[in-house]
């Protein structure tokens, strides 16, 4: 059956360039990622080539709706000046969606859901967090950036100092949680497909064994195959779509969190009294 997994998920064939761990690559994940990247770029150019100022086509209409929705999320979370986040979030979200959806097609060999590899999801999360830190430095400045780790800002200074280690840990675990959330859901779906496929193989063996076991295999075998198809469709199209949306949403939220302290500093500057002027008689 085309949906049966050849090997349990989590086992990746590797190739080493220099013999060390830091230059060892899971080439199946690289191939799967490359396919998803090519599809993402081709669809992007296809939409751009078919842009129309008149009545838009269905594909253009879908992308315009998604872009407007993401732009609204950015406006609510980040405010003005966050326009560059829209293409970043859209590209990441659509790429993750494609990388999840390609698993539905009966592609054999090394192709698999690229996001079922923690190396892939961690790389995506690191890209997001690095850009978020650069944005925070640009918006808040060096002083405001480090001040952000002393929140909650409404508390007294000794209490805020005590919260510094917690705020640092919170910032460090962001790429970990962002990557593990995506990896865990996609890996769990691939594991379920493998387990159901193993059940189908077991039932097929009962058919060949004869006697009562043949009856059990004939009855439950087709049911297991139908269940596999239903689960695979649910896992790829529903769970895969939800995870792409969550990754996009969290990316936007992290950019909004990178501005924390900006309003307080602006309010403090506004409340600070202007320096007194000395009038001289003339």
Protein backbone atom coordinates (compact mmCIF):
# COMPACT_ATOMS: atom_id res chain seq x y z
CA UNK A 1 0.00 0.00 0.00
CA UNK A 2 1.34 3.43 -0.95
CA UNK A 3 0.75 4.94 2.51
CA UNK A 4 2.82 2.37 4.41
CA UNK A 5 6.01 3.74 5.93
CA UNK A 6 9.22 1.96 5.03
CA UNK A 7 10.91 2.65 8.38
CA UNK A 8 9.89 4.07 11.76
CA UNK A 9 10.08 7.87 11.94
CA UNK A 10 13.09 9.36 13.64
CA UNK A 11 15.63 7.23 11.79
CA UNK A 12 17.40 9.42 9.24
CA UNK A 13 20.13 8.31 6.83
CA UNK A 14 23.12 10.59 7.31
CA UNK A 15 26.17 11.64 5.37
CA UNK A 16 29.28 13.10 6.99
CA UNK A 17 31.48 15.60 5.21
CA UNK A 18 34.36 15.83 7.69
CA UNK A 19 33.64 13.02 10.13
CA UNK A 20 32.54 15.34 12.96
CA UNK A 21 29.02 15.77 14.33
CA UNK A 22 28.75 19.39 13.19
CA UNK A 23 29.13 18.49 9.52
CA UNK A 24 26.91 15.40 9.52
CA UNK A 25 23.67 15.89 7.57
CA UNK A 26 20.38 14.04 7.37
CA UNK A 27 20.22 14.02 3.59
CA UNK A 28 16.60 12.83 3.51
CA UNK A 29 15.58 15.98 5.39
CA UNK A 30 17.68 18.13 3.06
CA UNK A 31 16.00 16.58 0.00
CA UNK A 32 12.53 16.97 1.51
CA UNK A 33 13.27 20.59 2.49
CA UNK A 34 14.60 21.33 -1.01
CA UNK A 35 11.39 20.00 -2.58
CA UNK A 36 9.25 22.14 -0.25
CA UNK A 37 11.42 25.21 -0.96
CA UNK A 38 11.13 24.73 -4.73
CA UNK A 39 7.35 24.34 -4.51
CA UNK A 40 7.08 27.44 -2.30
CA UNK A 41 9.15 29.54 -4.72
CA UNK A 42 7.30 28.25 -7.79
CA UNK A 43 3.89 28.99 -6.26
CA UNK A 44 5.08 32.45 -5.22
CA UNK A 45 6.25 33.30 -8.72
CA UNK A 46 3.09 31.78 -10.18
CA UNK A 47 0.90 34.02 -8.03
CA UNK A 48 3.02 37.07 -8.81
CA UNK A 49 2.87 36.33 -12.54
CA UNK A 50 -0.92 36.08 -12.48
CA UNK A 51 -1.59 39.25 -10.50
CA UNK A 52 -4.53 41.14 -11.90
CA UNK A 53 -5.95 44.53 -11.04
CA UNK A 54 -9.34 43.47 -12.25
CA UNK A 55 -11.26 40.48 -10.98
CA UNK A 56 -8.66 38.29 -9.21
CA UNK A 57 -8.41 34.57 -9.79
CA UNK A 58 -9.09 32.03 -7.06
CA UNK A 59 -5.41 31.56 -6.23
CA UNK A 60 -4.77 35.30 -6.07
CA UNK A 61 -7.90 35.81 -4.01
CA UNK A 62 -6.77 33.17 -1.51
CA UNK A 63 -3.33 34.71 -1.12
CA UNK A 64 -4.73 38.23 -0.82
CA UNK A 65 -7.02 37.04 1.96
CA UNK A 66 -4.11 35.36 3.79
CA UNK A 67 -1.86 38.40 3.41
CA UNK A 68 -4.56 40.76 4.67
CA UNK A 69 -5.16 38.45 7.63
CA UNK A 70 -1.46 38.28 8.53
CA UNK A 71 -1.14 42.05 8.05
CA UNK A 72 -3.97 42.53 10.53
CA UNK A 73 -2.26 40.26 13.06
CA UNK A 74 0.97 42.22 12.67
CA UNK A 75 -0.87 45.51 13.10
CA UNK A 76 -2.51 44.30 16.32
CA UNK A 77 0.61 42.73 17.85
CA UNK A 78 3.39 44.99 16.60
CA UNK A 79 1.77 48.16 15.37
CA UNK A 80 3.13 50.49 12.75
CA UNK A 81 6.59 49.84 11.37
CA UNK A 82 6.17 46.07 11.31
CA UNK A 83 5.42 45.71 7.63
CA UNK A 84 8.57 43.66 7.01
CA UNK A 85 7.18 40.95 9.30
CA UNK A 86 4.33 40.15 6.87
CA UNK A 87 6.47 38.59 4.09
CA UNK A 88 8.64 36.80 6.66
CA UNK A 89 5.68 35.27 8.50
CA UNK A 90 3.84 34.44 5.27
CA UNK A 91 6.87 32.75 3.71
CA UNK A 92 7.61 30.67 6.81
CA UNK A 93 3.96 29.70 7.24
CA UNK A 94 3.47 28.72 3.60
CA UNK A 95 6.75 26.80 3.49
CA UNK A 96 5.80 24.84 6.62
CA UNK A 97 2.39 24.14 5.09
CA UNK A 98 3.95 22.79 1.88
CA UNK A 99 6.53 20.75 3.83
CA UNK A 100 3.69 19.12 5.78
CA UNK A 101 1.35 18.55 2.84
CA UNK A 102 3.82 16.83 0.52
CA UNK A 103 3.73 13.79 2.79
CA UNK A 104 0.24 12.96 1.50
CA UNK A 105 1.60 12.09 -1.93
CA UNK A 106 3.03 8.58 -2.45
CA UNK A 107 6.65 9.72 -2.69
CA UNK A 108 9.07 6.90 -2.00
CA UNK A 109 12.70 6.94 -1.01
CA UNK A 110 14.19 9.66 1.17
CA UNK A 111 11.26 12.09 0.90
CA UNK A 112 9.38 12.53 4.17
CA UNK A 113 7.76 15.34 6.19
CA UNK A 114 10.75 17.64 6.63
CA UNK A 115 9.32 19.01 9.88
CA UNK A 116 9.48 15.53 11.43
CA UNK A 117 13.21 16.22 11.83
CA UNK A 118 14.09 18.35 14.86
CA UNK A 119 17.07 19.82 13.01
CA UNK A 120 14.69 21.36 10.49
CA UNK A 121 12.26 22.89 12.98
CA UNK A 122 15.08 24.14 15.21
CA UNK A 123 16.67 25.89 12.23
CA UNK A 124 13.36 27.63 11.45
CA UNK A 125 12.95 28.67 15.09
CA UNK A 126 16.50 30.04 15.28
CA UNK A 127 15.93 32.15 12.17
CA UNK A 128 12.84 33.66 13.77
CA UNK A 129 14.47 34.32 17.15
CA UNK A 130 17.62 35.87 15.64
CA UNK A 131 15.58 38.27 13.52
CA UNK A 132 13.40 39.06 16.56
CA UNK A 133 16.48 39.95 18.65
CA UNK A 134 17.83 42.18 15.88
CA UNK A 135 14.43 43.90 15.60
CA UNK A 136 14.31 44.43 19.37
CA UNK A 137 17.77 46.03 19.35
CA UNK A 138 16.82 48.30 16.46
CA UNK A 139 13.56 49.43 18.04
CA UNK A 140 14.58 49.71 21.69
CA UNK A 141 18.28 50.45 21.40
CA UNK A 142 20.93 48.76 23.52
CA UNK A 143 19.67 50.25 26.79
CA UNK A 144 16.03 49.45 26.09
CA UNK A 145 16.92 45.94 24.88
CA UNK A 146 18.57 44.99 28.18
CA UNK A 147 15.88 46.84 30.13
CA UNK A 148 13.36 44.46 28.59
CA UNK A 149 14.81 41.65 30.73
CA UNK A 150 13.81 43.53 33.90
CA UNK A 151 10.05 43.22 33.38
CA UNK A 152 7.47 43.51 34.90
CA UNK A 153 8.18 47.22 34.61
CA UNK A 154 5.49 48.27 37.10
CA UNK A 155 7.25 46.50 39.97
CA UNK A 156 9.88 47.99 42.26
CA UNK A 157 13.48 47.82 41.09
CA UNK A 158 14.62 45.09 43.57
CA UNK A 159 11.76 42.85 42.43
CA UNK A 160 12.57 43.51 38.78
CA UNK A 161 16.19 42.54 39.36
CA UNK A 162 15.03 39.25 40.86
CA UNK A 163 13.06 38.55 37.68
CA UNK A 164 16.09 38.96 35.38
CA UNK A 165 17.10 35.24 35.45
CA UNK A 166 13.52 34.19 34.70
CA UNK A 167 13.27 36.62 31.79
CA UNK A 168 16.57 35.35 30.37
CA UNK A 169 15.41 31.74 30.62
CA UNK A 170 12.12 32.69 28.96
CA UNK A 171 14.00 34.20 26.03
CA UNK A 172 16.31 31.20 25.71
CA UNK A 173 13.52 28.63 25.64
CA UNK A 174 11.54 30.41 22.92
CA UNK A 175 13.35 28.70 20.00
CA UNK A 176 13.20 25.38 21.89
CA UNK A 177 9.44 25.48 22.45
CA UNK A 178 8.79 26.89 18.97
CA UNK A 179 10.74 24.07 17.33
CA UNK A 180 9.54 21.25 19.61
CA UNK A 181 5.88 22.18 19.15
CA UNK A 182 6.09 21.84 15.38
CA UNK A 183 8.39 18.81 15.46
CA UNK A 184 6.34 16.97 18.09
CA UNK A 185 3.04 17.24 16.24
CA UNK A 186 4.44 16.25 12.84
CA UNK A 187 6.56 13.45 14.30
CA UNK A 188 3.57 12.10 16.25
CA UNK A 189 1.50 12.03 13.05
CA UNK A 190 4.24 10.15 11.19
CA UNK A 191 4.55 7.71 14.10
CA UNK A 192 0.80 7.02 14.03
CA UNK A 193 0.99 6.31 10.29
CA UNK A 194 3.83 3.87 10.90
CA UNK A 195 1.96 2.09 13.72
CA UNK A 196 -1.25 1.76 11.71
CA UNK A 197 0.79 0.54 8.75
CA UNK A 198 2.43 -2.07 10.99
CA UNK A 199 -1.04 -3.19 12.07
CA UNK A 200 -2.06 -3.62 8.42
CA UNK A 201 1.05 -5.71 7.78
CA UNK A 202 0.25 -7.84 10.82
CA UNK A 203 -3.34 -8.38 9.67
CA UNK A 204 -2.13 -9.29 6.19
CA UNK A 205 0.03 -11.97 7.79
CA UNK A 206 -3.06 -13.36 9.55
CA UNK A 207 -4.81 -13.74 6.20
CA UNK A 208 -2.00 -15.99 4.96
CA UNK A 209 -1.88 -18.10 8.13
CA UNK A 210 -5.25 -19.78 7.60
CA UNK A 211 -8.07 -20.74 9.97
CA UNK A 212 -9.71 -18.23 12.31
CA UNK A 213 -6.83 -15.80 11.86
CA UNK A 214 -7.70 -15.56 8.18
CA UNK A 215 -11.20 -14.39 9.07
CA UNK A 216 -9.82 -11.79 11.46
CA UNK A 217 -7.41 -10.52 8.83
CA UNK A 218 -10.09 -10.32 6.14
CA UNK A 219 -12.48 -8.43 8.44
CA UNK A 220 -10.12 -5.99 10.13
CA UNK A 221 -7.55 -5.56 7.37
CA UNK A 222 -9.69 -3.31 5.12
CA UNK A 223 -10.90 -1.38 8.17
CA UNK A 224 -7.30 -0.67 9.16
CA UNK A 225 -6.49 0.50 5.63
CA UNK A 226 -9.47 2.87 5.61
CA UNK A 227 -8.48 4.13 9.05
CA UNK A 228 -4.94 4.76 7.81
CA UNK A 229 -6.17 6.84 4.87
CA UNK A 230 -8.54 8.85 7.08
CA UNK A 231 -5.88 9.46 9.72
CA UNK A 232 -3.22 10.44 7.17
CA UNK A 233 -5.59 12.94 5.54
CA UNK A 234 -6.57 14.37 8.93
CA UNK A 235 -2.99 14.54 10.16
CA UNK A 236 -1.57 16.18 7.03
CA UNK A 237 -4.32 18.57 6.00
CA UNK A 238 -5.75 19.52 9.39
CA UNK A 239 -2.91 19.12 11.90
CA UNK A 240 -0.32 20.22 9.33
CA UNK A 241 -2.32 23.36 8.52
CA UNK A 242 -2.92 24.18 12.19
CA UNK A 243 0.79 23.83 12.98
CA UNK A 244 1.75 26.13 10.10
CA UNK A 245 -0.73 28.71 11.41
CA UNK A 246 0.52 28.40 15.00
CA UNK A 247 4.14 28.85 13.91
CA UNK A 248 3.16 31.96 11.93
CA UNK A 249 1.11 33.35 14.81
CA UNK A 250 3.87 32.79 17.37
CA UNK A 251 6.38 34.44 15.05
CA UNK A 252 4.23 37.57 14.98
CA UNK A 253 3.68 37.44 18.76
CA UNK A 254 7.42 37.21 19.40
CA UNK A 255 7.97 40.36 17.34
CA UNK A 256 5.32 42.08 19.44
CA UNK A 257 7.03 40.94 22.64
CA UNK A 258 10.34 42.30 21.31
CA UNK A 259 8.89 45.83 21.68
CA UNK A 260 8.12 45.43 25.39
CA UNK A 261 9.22 48.49 27.30
CA UNK A 262 8.97 50.87 24.35
CA UNK A 263 5.65 52.35 25.48
CA UNK A 264 6.87 52.70 29.08
CA UNK A 265 9.99 54.57 27.98
CA UNK A 266 7.97 56.85 25.71
CA UNK A 267 5.52 57.50 28.55
CA UNK A 268 8.37 58.30 30.90
CA UNK A 269 9.86 60.75 28.46
CA UNK A 270 6.47 62.40 28.07
CA UNK A 271 5.99 62.74 31.83
CA UNK A 272 9.48 64.05 32.48
CA UNK A 273 9.30 67.80 33.24
CA UNK A 274 10.97 70.14 30.85
CA UNK A 275 14.09 71.88 32.14
CA UNK A 276 13.37 75.25 33.75
CA UNK A 277 14.41 78.38 31.92
CA UNK A 278 15.76 81.43 33.61
CA UNK A 279 14.35 84.72 32.41
CA UNK A 280 16.74 87.61 32.24
CA UNK A 281 15.60 91.14 32.31
CA UNK A 282 16.54 93.39 29.50
